Amino acid sequence: MQQNLIDAARAVIAADRAGELTDELIDALEKETDTPDVQMAQVYRAQLKTRAQMERDIPEGQRGWWYDVAHGETLTLRQATQADLDRCTLNHDCSRSPADHMCETFDRSSLVSKAAIAHINPEQHTFAAIAAKQHPDDLAVDRFALAMKAKLADARAKGRTGWDDPAKCSVEFLAQLLVGHIGKDNAGNFEDVANLAMMLHQRGADPSVLAEAAGARPVESTAPISTQWWLAELDQYGSPKLVDGDHTDMAGANRALYLINALGLGAGRKYAAAKVQLFEAVPDGRGVNQGAIKQVNRTRLERGHD
């Protein structure tokens, strides 16, 4: 019945008689538009090559996430489509042809190069649905998620683990790391910020931890508490050591140098007048390992120290 209504609506439009479209025909067309165009694809069971085999057969610029986290594993895959390539991020050296890739079968799945597959066999009577179109928001999230995974894999290779263990890493520490990354300009910082946010989300952290971490930023005073002048002795590297002061102005430091020379105490030494401005110090918790502080305090309490 529904298909008959759709066919009737299309016939009216094709005959340039759009004024004859009834509410029922319009509703049928809207429902068809809202329903994704779904195709079915053969499902395969694929055994991926080992890491050593991939390094031998696949240039570094053509390796993907599967090289980092799925080498040697068995995956359920289907043939990739152009829509899959459009939503996924590939290295510059990778083929842009769907014929050179397989794709995982679940929603928002990732590509796998056929060059990474050691053995592949079709699953009998098993097919996977392929949505022909996805919203640009979903495509963007999928691409960014792959970049996040690659950054996490790189961190694991460097031995950085434990974010999911409360005994090793507090949510306060993760929040401090996230806030500390905001001002960085290195490549990959977007992925670092997103991964830290993911960690806090998965740990069930209250969003207030971010506000508290951000609140630890020092507020710089616009005016110093006081300004002092000192006579400073310079070492062989030009580093100063305050030796006479404080003076109210530079003239006072210069008079101190005159006296030192007049008394024969400055032979072979270099001096400079140093202007010292004192500002109120504000505790700054950015970048501090809060987990380590808690551990030290816990140990001190257990030992009965103040």
C-alpha atoms as a PDB file:
ATOM      1  CA  MET A   1       0.000   0.000   0.000  1.00  0.00           C
ATOM      2  CA  GLN A   2       2.766   2.435   0.986  1.00  0.00           C
ATOM      3  CA  GLN A   3       4.727   1.716  -2.209  1.00  0.00           C
ATOM      4  CA  ASN A   4       1.580   2.306  -4.300  1.00  0.00           C
ATOM      5  CA  LEU A   5       1.184   5.743  -2.726  1.00  0.00           C
ATOM      6  CA  ILE A   6       4.832   6.572  -3.423  1.00  0.00           C
ATOM      7  CA  ASP A   7       4.487   5.468  -7.061  1.00  0.00           C
ATOM      8  CA  ALA A   8       1.311   7.539  -7.456  1.00  0.00           C
ATOM      9  CA  ALA A   9       3.007  10.628  -6.012  1.00  0.00           C
ATOM     10  CA  ARG A  10       5.977  10.239  -8.344  1.00  0.00           C
ATOM     11  CA  ALA A  11       3.619   9.888 -11.324  1.00  0.00           C
ATOM     12  CA  VAL A  12       1.832  13.132 -10.401  1.00  0.00           C
ATOM     13  CA  ILE A  13       5.166  14.980 -10.106  1.00  0.00           C
ATOM     14  CA  ALA A  14       6.475  13.502 -13.374  1.00  0.00           C
ATOM     15  CA  ALA A  15       3.332  14.731 -15.173  1.00  0.00           C
ATOM     16  CA  ASP A  16       3.959  18.239 -13.842  1.00  0.00           C
ATOM     17  CA  ARG A  17       0.712  18.123 -11.859  1.00  0.00           C
ATOM     18  CA  ALA A  18       2.121  18.861  -8.415  1.00  0.00           C
ATOM     19  CA  GLY A  19      -1.067  20.714  -7.523  1.00  0.00           C
ATOM     20  CA  GLU A  20      -2.857  17.352  -7.425  1.00  0.00           C
ATOM     21  CA  LEU A  21      -0.687  16.016  -4.610  1.00  0.00           C
ATOM     22  CA  THR A  22      -2.909  15.113  -1.680  1.00  0.00           C
ATOM     23  CA  ASP A  23      -1.817  15.144   1.975  1.00  0.00           C
ATOM     24  CA  GLU A  24      -1.675  11.350   1.849  1.00  0.00           C
ATOM     25  CA  LEU A  25       0.676  11.360  -1.155  1.00  0.00           C
ATOM     26  CA  ILE A  26       2.893  14.045   0.393  1.00  0.00           C
ATOM     27  CA  ASP A  27       3.088  12.063   3.652  1.00  0.00           C
ATOM     28  CA  ALA A  28       4.140   8.945   1.728  1.00  0.00           C
ATOM     29  CA  LEU A  29       6.953  10.852  -0.004  1.00  0.00           C
ATOM     30  CA  GLU A  30       8.173  12.344   3.279  1.00  0.00           C
ATOM     31  CA  LYS A  31       8.314   8.935   4.913  1.00  0.00           C
ATOM     32  CA  GLU A  32      10.340   7.586   2.005  1.00  0.00           C
ATOM     33  CA  THR A  33      12.778  10.508   2.295  1.00  0.00           C
ATOM     34  CA  ASP A  34      13.186   9.913   6.031  1.00  0.00           C
ATOM     35  CA  THR A  35      13.972   6.230   5.490  1.00  0.00           C
ATOM     36  CA  PRO A  36      17.668   5.591   4.743  1.00  0.00           C
ATOM     37  CA  ASP A  37      18.460   3.804   1.500  1.00  0.00           C
ATOM     38  CA  VAL A  38      19.825   0.520   2.878  1.00  0.00           C
ATOM     39  CA  GLN A  39      21.721  -2.052   0.822  1.00  0.00           C
ATOM     40  CA  MET A  40      22.977  -5.482   1.822  1.00  0.00           C
ATOM     41  CA  ALA A  41      26.581  -6.639   1.443  1.00  0.00           C
ATOM     42  CA  GLN A  42      28.300 -10.010   1.809  1.00  0.00           C
ATOM     43  CA  VAL A  43      30.108 -10.452   5.127  1.00  0.00           C
ATOM     44  CA  TYR A  44      33.629 -11.902   5.218  1.00  0.00           C
ATOM     45  CA  ARG A  45      35.797 -13.311   7.967  1.00  0.00           C
ATOM     46  CA  ALA A  46      39.309 -11.908   7.536  1.00  0.00           C
ATOM     47  CA  GLN A  47      42.569 -12.819   9.260  1.00  0.00           C
ATOM     48  CA  LEU A  48      44.911  -9.823   9.359  1.00  0.00           C
ATOM     49  CA  LYS A  49      48.640 -10.089   8.822  1.00  0.00           C
ATOM     50  CA  THR A  50      51.063  -9.900  11.706  1.00  0.00           C
ATOM     51  CA  ARG A  51      52.791  -6.614  12.451  1.00  0.00           C
ATOM     52  CA  ALA A  52      56.007  -7.944  10.901  1.00  0.00           C
ATOM     53  CA  GLN A  53      54.175  -8.984   7.722  1.00  0.00           C
ATOM     54  CA  MET A  54      52.509  -5.576   7.471  1.00  0.00           C
ATOM     55  CA  GLU A  55      55.865  -3.813   7.874  1.00  0.00           C
ATOM     56  CA  ARG A  56      57.239  -6.006   5.100  1.00  0.00           C
ATOM     57  CA  ASP A  57      54.335  -5.599   2.669  1.00  0.00           C
ATOM     58  CA  ILE A  58      52.869  -2.145   3.384  1.00  0.00           C
ATOM     59  CA  PRO A  59      54.764   1.173   3.217  1.00  0.00           C
ATOM     60  CA  GLU A  60      54.604   3.180   6.436  1.00  0.00           C
ATOM     61  CA  GLY A  61      52.543   5.941   4.820  1.00  0.00           C
ATOM     62  CA  GLN A  62      49.815   3.454   3.879  1.00  0.00           C
ATOM     63  CA  ARG A  63      49.333   1.834   7.299  1.00  0.00           C
ATOM     64  CA  GLY A  64      46.208   2.521   9.329  1.00  0.00           C
ATOM     65  CA  TRP A  65      44.699   1.913  12.749  1.00  0.00           C
ATOM     66  CA  TRP A  66      44.705  -1.836  12.096  1.00  0.00           C
ATOM     67  CA  TYR A  67      48.522  -1.821  12.094  1.00  0.00           C
ATOM     68  CA  ASP A  68      48.580  -0.327  15.608  1.00  0.00           C
ATOM     69  CA  VAL A  69      45.802  -2.251  17.349  1.00  0.00           C
ATOM     70  CA  ALA A  70      44.506  -5.171  15.242  1.00  0.00           C
ATOM     71  CA  HIS A  71      47.531  -6.914  13.721  1.00  0.00           C
ATOM     72  CA  GLY A  72      47.069 -10.676  13.657  1.00  0.00           C
ATOM     73  CA  GLU A  73      43.406 -10.469  14.677  1.00  0.00           C
ATOM     74  CA  THR A  74      40.343 -11.890  12.948  1.00  0.00           C
ATOM     75  CA  LEU A  75      37.786  -9.281  11.869  1.00  0.00           C
ATOM     76  CA  THR A  76      34.306  -9.397  10.362  1.00  0.00           C
ATOM     77  CA  LEU A  77      34.356  -7.225   7.246  1.00  0.00           C
ATOM     78  CA  ARG A  78      32.409  -6.251   4.136  1.00  0.00           C
ATOM     79  CA  GLN A  79      33.434  -4.572   0.904  1.00  0.00           C
ATOM     80  CA  ALA A  80      33.998  -0.840   1.338  1.00  0.00           C
ATOM     81  CA  THR A  81      31.875   1.727  -0.501  1.00  0.00           C
ATOM     82  CA  GLN A  82      32.540   5.284  -1.630  1.00  0.00           C
ATOM     83  CA  ALA A  83      30.413   6.491   1.294  1.00  0.00           C
ATOM     84  CA  ASP A  84      32.806   4.689   3.656  1.00  0.00           C
ATOM     85  CA  LEU A  85      35.801   6.467   2.133  1.00  0.00           C
ATOM     86  CA  ASP A  86      34.016   9.821   2.320  1.00  0.00           C
ATOM     87  CA  ARG A  87      33.478   9.566   6.080  1.00  0.00           C
ATOM     88  CA  CYS A  88      36.833   8.023   7.024  1.00  0.00           C
ATOM     89  CA  THR A  89      40.263   9.600   7.284  1.00  0.00           C
ATOM     90  CA  LEU A  90      43.070   8.010   5.238  1.00  0.00           C
ATOM     91  CA  ASN A  91      46.782   8.728   5.172  1.00  0.00           C
ATOM     92  CA  HIS A  92      47.905  10.748   2.147  1.00  0.00           C
ATOM     93  CA  ASP A  93      49.602   7.738   0.515  1.00  0.00           C
ATOM     94  CA  CYS A  94      46.568   5.438   0.785  1.00  0.00           C
ATOM     95  CA  SER A  95      44.410   4.439  -2.181  1.00  0.00           C
ATOM     96  CA  ARG A  96      41.131   6.337  -2.555  1.00  0.00           C
ATOM     97  CA  SER A  97      39.456   3.468  -4.413  1.00  0.00           C
ATOM     98  CA  PRO A  98      36.773   1.478  -2.521  1.00  0.00           C
ATOM     99  CA  ALA A  99      38.022  -1.624  -4.345  1.00  0.00           C
ATOM    100  CA  ASP A 100      41.250  -1.521  -2.296  1.00  0.00           C
ATOM    101  CA  HIS A 101      39.533  -1.527   1.085  1.00  0.00           C
ATOM    102  CA  MET A 102      37.257  -3.588   3.277  1.00  0.00           C
ATOM    103  CA  CYS A 103      35.109  -2.128   6.055  1.00  0.00           C
ATOM    104  CA  GLU A 104      33.950  -3.328   9.465  1.00  0.00           C
ATOM    105  CA  THR A 105      30.289  -4.314   9.608  1.00  0.00           C
ATOM    106  CA  PHE A 106      29.017  -2.331  12.589  1.00  0.00           C
ATOM    107  CA  ASP A 107      27.673   1.214  12.556  1.00  0.00           C
ATOM    108  CA  ARG A 108      30.263   3.963  11.934  1.00  0.00           C
ATOM    109  CA  SER A 109      32.856   1.310  11.181  1.00  0.00           C
ATOM    110  CA  SER A 110      36.462   1.764  10.059  1.00  0.00           C
ATOM    111  CA  LEU A 111      38.298   0.866   6.856  1.00  0.00           C
ATOM    112  CA  VAL A 112      40.841  -1.928   6.534  1.00  0.00           C
ATOM    113  CA  SER A 113      43.244  -2.049   3.592  1.00  0.00           C
ATOM    114  CA  LYS A 114      43.082  -5.301   1.630  1.00  0.00           C
ATOM    115  CA  ALA A 115      46.874  -5.281   1.701  1.00  0.00           C
ATOM    116  CA  ALA A 116      46.670  -5.926   5.458  1.00  0.00           C
ATOM    117  CA  ILE A 117      44.609  -9.107   5.066  1.00  0.00           C
ATOM    118  CA  ALA A 118      46.365 -12.499   5.115  1.00  0.00           C
ATOM    119  CA  HIS A 119      43.290 -14.717   4.576  1.00  0.00           C
ATOM    120  CA  ILE A 120      39.641 -13.940   3.876  1.00  0.00           C
ATOM    121  CA  ASN A 121      36.555 -16.153   3.447  1.00  0.00           C
ATOM    122  CA  PRO A 122      32.862 -15.300   2.958  1.00  0.00           C
ATOM    123  CA  GLU A 123      30.452 -16.084   5.776  1.00  0.00           C
ATOM    124  CA  GLN A 124      27.663 -18.249   4.375  1.00  0.00           C
ATOM    125  CA  HIS A 125      24.241 -16.580   4.269  1.00  0.00           C
ATOM    126  CA  THR A 126      25.527 -13.614   6.263  1.00  0.00           C
ATOM    127  CA  PHE A 127      25.003 -10.057   5.043  1.00  0.00           C
ATOM    128  CA  ALA A 128      25.504  -6.591   6.534  1.00  0.00           C
ATOM    129  CA  ALA A 129      23.362  -3.520   5.988  1.00  0.00           C
ATOM    130  CA  ILE A 130      24.993  -0.500   4.382  1.00  0.00           C
ATOM    131  CA  ALA A 131      23.447   2.912   4.916  1.00  0.00           C
ATOM    132  CA  ALA A 132      23.946   4.897   1.730  1.00  0.00           C
ATOM    133  CA  LYS A 133      24.124   8.293   3.452  1.00  0.00           C
ATOM    134  CA  GLN A 134      25.082   9.619   6.872  1.00  0.00           C
ATOM    135  CA  HIS A 135      24.747  13.032   8.426  1.00  0.00           C
ATOM    136  CA  PRO A 136      27.888  15.203   8.098  1.00  0.00           C
ATOM    137  CA  ASP A 137      28.017  15.473  11.903  1.00  0.00           C
ATOM    138  CA  ASP A 138      28.324  11.693  12.203  1.00  0.00           C
ATOM    139  CA  LEU A 139      30.947  11.547   9.479  1.00  0.00           C
ATOM    140  CA  ALA A 140      33.018  14.213  11.212  1.00  0.00           C
ATOM    141  CA  VAL A 141      32.821  12.397  14.551  1.00  0.00           C
ATOM    142  CA  ASP A 142      33.866   9.133  12.900  1.00  0.00           C
ATOM    143  CA  ARG A 143      36.907  10.723  11.287  1.00  0.00           C
ATOM    144  CA  PHE A 144      37.923  12.478  14.486  1.00  0.00           C
ATOM    145  CA  ALA A 145      37.481   9.282  16.516  1.00  0.00           C
ATOM    146  CA  LEU A 146      40.027   7.556  14.278  1.00  0.00           C
ATOM    147  CA  ALA A 147      42.521  10.352  14.912  1.00  0.00           C
ATOM    148  CA  MET A 148      41.884  10.028  18.664  1.00  0.00           C
ATOM    149  CA  LYS A 149      42.466   6.267  18.517  1.00  0.00           C
ATOM    150  CA  ALA A 150      45.756   6.749  16.698  1.00  0.00           C
ATOM    151  CA  LYS A 151      46.942   9.241  19.341  1.00  0.00           C
ATOM    152  CA  LEU A 152      45.960   6.845  22.139  1.00  0.00           C
ATOM    153  CA  ALA A 153      47.795   3.982  20.443  1.00  0.00           C
ATOM    154  CA  ASP A 154      50.908   6.157  20.187  1.00  0.00           C
ATOM    155  CA  ALA A 155      50.642   6.986  23.904  1.00  0.00           C
ATOM    156  CA  ARG A 156      50.277   3.297  24.816  1.00  0.00           C
ATOM    157  CA  ALA A 157      53.388   2.483  22.810  1.00  0.00           C
ATOM    158  CA  LYS A 158      55.236   4.981  25.022  1.00  0.00           C
ATOM    159  CA  GLY A 159      53.972   3.238  28.158  1.00  0.00           C
ATOM    160  CA  ARG A 160      51.324   5.784  29.104  1.00  0.00           C
ATOM    161  CA  THR A 161      48.480   3.846  30.696  1.00  0.00           C
ATOM    162  CA  GLY A 162      46.293   3.930  33.803  1.00  0.00           C
ATOM    163  CA  TRP A 163      43.850   6.751  33.036  1.00  0.00           C
ATOM    164  CA  ASP A 164      40.977   4.348  33.757  1.00  0.00           C
ATOM    165  CA  ASP A 165      42.380   3.255  37.133  1.00  0.00           C
ATOM    166  CA  PRO A 166      41.323   5.553  40.029  1.00  0.00           C
ATOM    167  CA  ALA A 167      44.165   4.166  42.134  1.00  0.00           C
ATOM    168  CA  LYS A 168      46.713   5.443  39.618  1.00  0.00           C
ATOM    169  CA  CYS A 169      45.057   8.518  38.171  1.00  0.00           C
ATOM    170  CA  SER A 170      42.515  10.892  39.709  1.00  0.00           C
ATOM    171  CA  VAL A 171      39.889  12.785  37.729  1.00  0.00           C
ATOM    172  CA  GLU A 172      41.332  15.991  39.208  1.00  0.00           C
ATOM    173  CA  PHE A 173      44.674  15.189  37.594  1.00  0.00           C
ATOM    174  CA  LEU A 174      43.000  14.503  34.230  1.00  0.00           C
ATOM    175  CA  ALA A 175      41.173  17.819  34.502  1.00  0.00           C
ATOM    176  CA  GLN A 176      44.451  19.631  35.222  1.00  0.00           C
ATOM    177  CA  LEU A 177      46.003  18.008  32.152  1.00  0.00           C
ATOM    178  CA  LEU A 178      43.080  19.068  29.970  1.00  0.00           C
ATOM    179  CA  VAL A 179      43.203  22.677  31.167  1.00  0.00           C
ATOM    180  CA  GLY A 180      46.961  22.684  30.678  1.00  0.00           C
ATOM    181  CA  HIS A 181      46.570  21.568  27.053  1.00  0.00           C
ATOM    182  CA  ILE A 182      44.280  24.464  26.118  1.00  0.00           C
ATOM    183  CA  GLY A 183      47.154  26.875  25.643  1.00  0.00           C
ATOM    184  CA  LYS A 184      49.377  24.508  23.652  1.00  0.00           C
ATOM    185  CA  ASP A 185      49.922  24.880  19.915  1.00  0.00           C
ATOM    186  CA  ASN A 186      51.602  21.580  19.012  1.00  0.00           C
ATOM    187  CA  ALA A 187      50.341  19.283  16.271  1.00  0.00           C
ATOM    188  CA  GLY A 188      47.920  16.704  17.658  1.00  0.00           C
ATOM    189  CA  ASN A 189      46.742  18.911  20.525  1.00  0.00           C
ATOM    190  CA  PHE A 190      43.117  18.730  19.361  1.00  0.00           C
ATOM    191  CA  GLU A 191      43.291  14.952  19.735  1.00  0.00           C
ATOM    192  CA  ASP A 192      44.950  15.249  23.160  1.00  0.00           C
ATOM    193  CA  VAL A 193      42.228  17.586  24.436  1.00  0.00           C
ATOM    194  CA  ALA A 194      39.496  15.313  23.063  1.00  0.00           C
ATOM    195  CA  ASN A 195      41.063  12.186  24.571  1.00  0.00           C
ATOM    196  CA  LEU A 196      41.349  13.814  27.985  1.00  0.00           C
ATOM    197  CA  ALA A 197      37.698  14.875  27.754  1.00  0.00           C
ATOM    198  CA  MET A 198      36.807  11.295  26.787  1.00  0.00           C
ATOM    199  CA  MET A 199      38.698   9.962  29.812  1.00  0.00           C
ATOM    200  CA  LEU A 200      36.851  12.297  32.163  1.00  0.00           C
ATOM    201  CA  HIS A 201      33.533  11.341  30.547  1.00  0.00           C
ATOM    202  CA  GLN A 202      34.239   7.624  30.838  1.00  0.00           C
ATOM    203  CA  ARG A 203      35.364   8.005  34.447  1.00  0.00           C
ATOM    204  CA  GLY A 204      32.008   9.627  35.230  1.00  0.00           C
ATOM    205  CA  ALA A 205      33.651  12.851  36.405  1.00  0.00           C
ATOM    206  CA  ASP A 206      31.518  15.798  37.384  1.00  0.00           C
ATOM    207  CA  PRO A 207      32.031  18.708  34.957  1.00  0.00           C
ATOM    208  CA  SER A 208      32.851  20.873  37.981  1.00  0.00           C
ATOM    209  CA  VAL A 209      36.359  19.350  38.049  1.00  0.00           C
ATOM    210  CA  LEU A 210      37.142  21.352  34.910  1.00  0.00           C
ATOM    211  CA  ALA A 211      35.880  24.561  36.481  1.00  0.00           C
ATOM    212  CA  GLU A 212      37.983  23.873  39.571  1.00  0.00           C
ATOM    213  CA  ALA A 213      41.069  23.127  37.462  1.00  0.00           C
ATOM    214  CA  ALA A 214      40.543  26.283  35.412  1.00  0.00           C
ATOM    215  CA  GLY A 215      40.000  28.262  38.623  1.00  0.00           C
ATOM    216  CA  ALA A 216      43.510  27.345  39.730  1.00  0.00           C
ATOM    217  CA  ARG A 217      44.909  29.825  37.212  1.00  0.00           C
ATOM    218  CA  PRO A 218      46.746  32.680  38.971  1.00  0.00           C
ATOM    219  CA  VAL A 219      45.307  36.154  38.616  1.00  0.00           C
ATOM    220  CA  GLU A 220      48.183  38.486  37.836  1.00  0.00           C
ATOM    221  CA  SER A 221      48.144  41.737  39.747  1.00  0.00           C
ATOM    222  CA  THR A 222      48.304  44.850  37.591  1.00  0.00           C
ATOM    223  CA  ALA A 223      50.516  46.615  40.130  1.00  0.00           C
ATOM    224  CA  PRO A 224      53.443  45.275  42.168  1.00  0.00           C
ATOM    225  CA  ILE A 225      53.382  45.218  45.955  1.00  0.00           C
ATOM    226  CA  SER A 226      56.663  47.109  45.947  1.00  0.00           C
ATOM    227  CA  THR A 227      59.593  48.056  43.699  1.00  0.00           C
ATOM    228  CA  GLN A 228      63.161  47.732  44.948  1.00  0.00           C
ATOM    229  CA  TRP A 229      66.623  48.512  43.576  1.00  0.00           C
ATOM    230  CA  TRP A 230      69.546  46.228  44.372  1.00  0.00           C
ATOM    231  CA  LEU A 231      73.194  46.034  43.534  1.00  0.00           C
ATOM    232  CA  ALA A 232      73.699  42.628  41.912  1.00  0.00           C
ATOM    233  CA  GLU A 233      76.981  40.777  41.444  1.00  0.00           C
ATOM    234  CA  LEU A 234      77.237  38.938  38.099  1.00  0.00           C
ATOM    235  CA  ASP A 235      78.910  35.555  37.828  1.00  0.00           C
ATOM    236  CA  GLN A 236      80.871  34.324  34.796  1.00  0.00           C
ATOM    237  CA  TYR A 237      77.592  33.442  33.021  1.00  0.00           C
ATOM    238  CA  GLY A 238      75.998  36.815  33.675  1.00  0.00           C
ATOM    239  CA  SER A 239      73.616  35.464  36.299  1.00  0.00           C
ATOM    240  CA  PRO A 240      72.875  38.001  39.068  1.00  0.00           C
ATOM    241  CA  LYS A 241      73.142  37.599  42.833  1.00  0.00           C
ATOM    242  CA  LEU A 242      71.617  40.361  44.962  1.00  0.00           C
ATOM    243  CA  VAL A 243      74.303  41.658  47.302  1.00  0.00           C
ATOM    244  CA  ASP A 244      73.265  45.137  48.517  1.00  0.00           C
ATOM    245  CA  GLY A 245      69.842  46.664  49.002  1.00  0.00           C
ATOM    246  CA  ASP A 246      67.100  47.299  48.953  1.00  0.00           C
ATOM    247  CA  HIS A 247      67.374  50.893  47.669  1.00  0.00           C
ATOM    248  CA  THR A 248      64.558  53.239  46.773  1.00  0.00           C
ATOM    249  CA  ASP A 249      66.023  54.118  43.379  1.00  0.00           C
ATOM    250  CA  MET A 250      68.830  53.260  40.971  1.00  0.00           C
ATOM    251  CA  ALA A 251      70.987  56.061  42.369  1.00  0.00           C
ATOM    252  CA  GLY A 252      71.148  54.199  45.673  1.00  0.00           C
ATOM    253  CA  ALA A 253      72.500  51.048  43.954  1.00  0.00           C
ATOM    254  CA  ASN A 254      75.073  53.171  42.096  1.00  0.00           C
ATOM    255  CA  ARG A 255      76.228  54.775  45.370  1.00  0.00           C
ATOM    256  CA  ALA A 256      76.632  51.299  46.880  1.00  0.00           C
ATOM    257  CA  LEU A 257      78.885  50.319  43.961  1.00  0.00           C
ATOM    258  CA  TYR A 258      80.990  53.478  44.436  1.00  0.00           C
ATOM    259  CA  LEU A 259      81.578  52.622  48.090  1.00  0.00           C
ATOM    260  CA  ILE A 260      82.504  49.005  47.267  1.00  0.00           C
ATOM    261  CA  ASN A 261      85.084  50.161  44.719  1.00  0.00           C
ATOM    262  CA  ALA A 262      86.391  52.928  46.989  1.00  0.00           C
ATOM    263  CA  LEU A 263      87.004  50.380  49.739  1.00  0.00           C
ATOM    264  CA  GLY A 264      88.770  48.036  47.320  1.00  0.00           C
ATOM    265  CA  LEU A 265      86.145  45.319  47.676  1.00  0.00           C
ATOM    266  CA  GLY A 266      85.041  45.093  44.038  1.00  0.00           C
ATOM    267  CA  ALA A 267      88.301  44.198  42.280  1.00  0.00           C
ATOM    268  CA  GLY A 268      87.766  41.631  39.489  1.00  0.00           C
ATOM    269  CA  ARG A 269      84.010  41.541  39.989  1.00  0.00           C
ATOM    270  CA  LYS A 270      81.167  42.704  37.767  1.00  0.00           C
ATOM    271  CA  TYR A 271      78.045  44.402  39.040  1.00  0.00           C
ATOM    272  CA  ALA A 272      74.674  45.559  37.736  1.00  0.00           C
ATOM    273  CA  ALA A 273      71.787  47.584  39.130  1.00  0.00           C
ATOM    274  CA  ALA A 274      68.736  45.303  39.463  1.00  0.00           C
ATOM    275  CA  LYS A 275      65.153  46.565  39.552  1.00  0.00           C
ATOM    276  CA  VAL A 276      63.040  44.073  41.525  1.00  0.00           C
ATOM    277  CA  GLN A 277      59.241  44.177  41.463  1.00  0.00           C
ATOM    278  CA  LEU A 278      57.324  42.129  44.004  1.00  0.00           C
ATOM    279  CA  PHE A 279      53.849  40.777  43.162  1.00  0.00           C
ATOM    280  CA  GLU A 280      51.430  38.825  45.293  1.00  0.00           C
ATOM    281  CA  ALA A 281      51.999  35.088  44.694  1.00  0.00           C
ATOM    282  CA  VAL A 282      48.901  33.004  43.912  1.00  0.00           C
ATOM    283  CA  PRO A 283      48.970  29.177  44.221  1.00  0.00           C
ATOM    284  CA  ASP A 284      48.801  27.578  40.747  1.00  0.00           C
ATOM    285  CA  GLY A 285      47.805  23.933  40.477  1.00  0.00           C
ATOM    286  CA  ARG A 286      48.164  23.640  36.702  1.00  0.00           C
ATOM    287  CA  GLY A 287      50.261  20.662  35.625  1.00  0.00           C
ATOM    288  CA  VAL A 288      50.697  19.432  39.205  1.00  0.00           C
ATOM    289  CA  ASN A 289      50.349  15.682  39.710  1.00  0.00           C
ATOM    290  CA  GLN A 290      47.373  15.717  42.063  1.00  0.00           C
ATOM    291  CA  GLY A 291      47.443  11.935  42.385  1.00  0.00           C
ATOM    292  CA  ALA A 292      51.032  12.058  43.658  1.00  0.00           C
ATOM    293  CA  ILE A 293      50.133  14.759  46.195  1.00  0.00           C
ATOM    294  CA  LYS A 294      47.273  12.642  47.530  1.00  0.00           C
ATOM    295  CA  GLN A 295      49.570   9.623  47.775  1.00  0.00           C
ATOM    296  CA  VAL A 296      52.233  11.564  49.687  1.00  0.00           C
ATOM    297  CA  ASN A 297      49.637  13.019  52.076  1.00  0.00           C
ATOM    298  CA  ARG A 298      48.107   9.587  52.604  1.00  0.00           C
ATOM    299  CA  THR A 299      51.544   8.126  53.388  1.00  0.00           C
ATOM    300  CA  ARG A 300      52.316  10.945  55.844  1.00  0.00           C
ATOM    301  CA  LEU A 301      49.031  10.370  57.663  1.00  0.00           C
ATOM    302  CA  GLU A 302      49.648   6.628  57.863  1.00  0.00           C
ATOM    303  CA  ARG A 303      53.042   7.323  59.429  1.00  0.00           C
ATOM    304  CA  GLY A 304      51.512   9.747  61.904  1.00  0.00           C
ATOM    305  CA  HIS A 305      53.205  12.882  60.536  1.00  0.00           C
ATOM    306  CA  ASP A 306      51.602  16.305  60.677  1.00  0.00           C
END
